[in-house]
Amino acid sequence: MNKRILFAILAVAFLAGAILRFMASGMAFGVMFLILAAASAWFSIKAKRE
């Protein structure tokens, strides 16, 4: 599987998890998922350049 697509899917999944955690008032897990979503998006952009 293409790394770029894999990291993009992970970024969307982590973003959805963060939104659900914020709705359930789980602030710590929501912030963690947002950080993981940003890292996955960054790796996806980085994989695109290579």
C-alpha atoms as a PDB file:
ATOM      1  CA  MET A   1       0.000   0.000   0.000  1.00  0.00           C
ATOM      2  CA  ASN A   2       1.143   3.516  -0.744  1.00  0.00           C
ATOM      3  CA  LYS A   3       2.569   5.247   2.343  1.00  0.00           C
ATOM      4  CA  ARG A   4       0.949   8.550   1.436  1.00  0.00           C
ATOM      5  CA  ILE A   5      -2.522   7.032   1.287  1.00  0.00           C
ATOM      6  CA  LEU A   6      -1.969   5.072   4.494  1.00  0.00           C
ATOM      7  CA  PHE A   7      -0.934   8.155   6.477  1.00  0.00           C
ATOM      8  CA  ALA A   8      -3.816  10.172   5.014  1.00  0.00           C
ATOM      9  CA  ILE A   9      -6.280   7.496   6.167  1.00  0.00           C
ATOM     10  CA  LEU A  10      -4.670   7.500   9.615  1.00  0.00           C
ATOM     11  CA  ALA A  11      -4.905  11.297   9.809  1.00  0.00           C
ATOM     12  CA  VAL A  12      -8.627  11.232   9.019  1.00  0.00           C
ATOM     13  CA  ALA A  13      -9.226   8.428  11.526  1.00  0.00           C
ATOM     14  CA  PHE A  14      -7.357  10.250  14.296  1.00  0.00           C
ATOM     15  CA  LEU A  15      -9.207  13.486  13.500  1.00  0.00           C
ATOM     16  CA  ALA A  16     -12.546  11.695  13.727  1.00  0.00           C
ATOM     17  CA  GLY A  17     -11.464  10.132  17.023  1.00  0.00           C
ATOM     18  CA  ALA A  18     -10.462  13.540  18.371  1.00  0.00           C
ATOM     19  CA  ILE A  19     -13.841  15.032  17.457  1.00  0.00           C
ATOM     20  CA  LEU A  20     -15.658  12.151  19.137  1.00  0.00           C
ATOM     21  CA  ARG A  21     -13.492  12.483  22.252  1.00  0.00           C
ATOM     22  CA  PHE A  22     -14.127  16.228  22.484  1.00  0.00           C
ATOM     23  CA  MET A  23     -17.872  15.573  22.173  1.00  0.00           C
ATOM     24  CA  ALA A  24     -17.629  13.024  25.003  1.00  0.00           C
ATOM     25  CA  SER A  25     -15.635  15.567  27.069  1.00  0.00           C
ATOM     26  CA  GLY A  26     -12.434  13.530  27.049  1.00  0.00           C
ATOM     27  CA  MET A  27     -10.053  16.455  26.725  1.00  0.00           C
ATOM     28  CA  ALA A  28      -6.756  14.595  27.223  1.00  0.00           C
ATOM     29  CA  PHE A  29      -7.552  11.895  24.684  1.00  0.00           C
ATOM     30  CA  GLY A  30      -8.925  14.488  22.257  1.00  0.00           C
ATOM     31  CA  VAL A  31      -5.679  16.459  22.358  1.00  0.00           C
ATOM     32  CA  MET A  32      -3.672  13.240  21.944  1.00  0.00           C
ATOM     33  CA  PHE A  33      -5.706  12.274  18.880  1.00  0.00           C
ATOM     34  CA  LEU A  34      -5.266  15.771  17.413  1.00  0.00           C
ATOM     35  CA  ILE A  35      -1.495  15.483  17.826  1.00  0.00           C
ATOM     36  CA  LEU A  36      -1.519  12.046  16.186  1.00  0.00           C
ATOM     37  CA  ALA A  37      -3.672  13.377  13.331  1.00  0.00           C
ATOM     38  CA  ALA A  38      -1.230  16.239  12.750  1.00  0.00           C
ATOM     39  CA  ALA A  39       1.728  13.843  12.792  1.00  0.00           C
ATOM     40  CA  SER A  40       0.026  11.499  10.321  1.00  0.00           C
ATOM     41  CA  ALA A  41      -0.818  14.390   7.997  1.00  0.00           C
ATOM     42  CA  TRP A  42       2.783  15.614   8.175  1.00  0.00           C
ATOM     43  CA  PHE A  43       4.115  12.149   7.338  1.00  0.00           C
ATOM     44  CA  SER A  44       1.655  11.926   4.460  1.00  0.00           C
ATOM     45  CA  ILE A  45       2.912  15.233   3.039  1.00  0.00           C
ATOM     46  CA  LYS A  46       6.514  14.150   3.596  1.00  0.00           C
ATOM     47  CA  ALA A  47       5.904  10.817   1.828  1.00  0.00           C
ATOM     48  CA  LYS A  48       4.435  12.694  -1.140  1.00  0.00           C
ATOM     49  CA  ARG A  49       7.711  14.585  -1.694  1.00  0.00           C
ATOM     50  CA  GLU A  50       9.807  11.411  -1.781  1.00  0.00           C
END
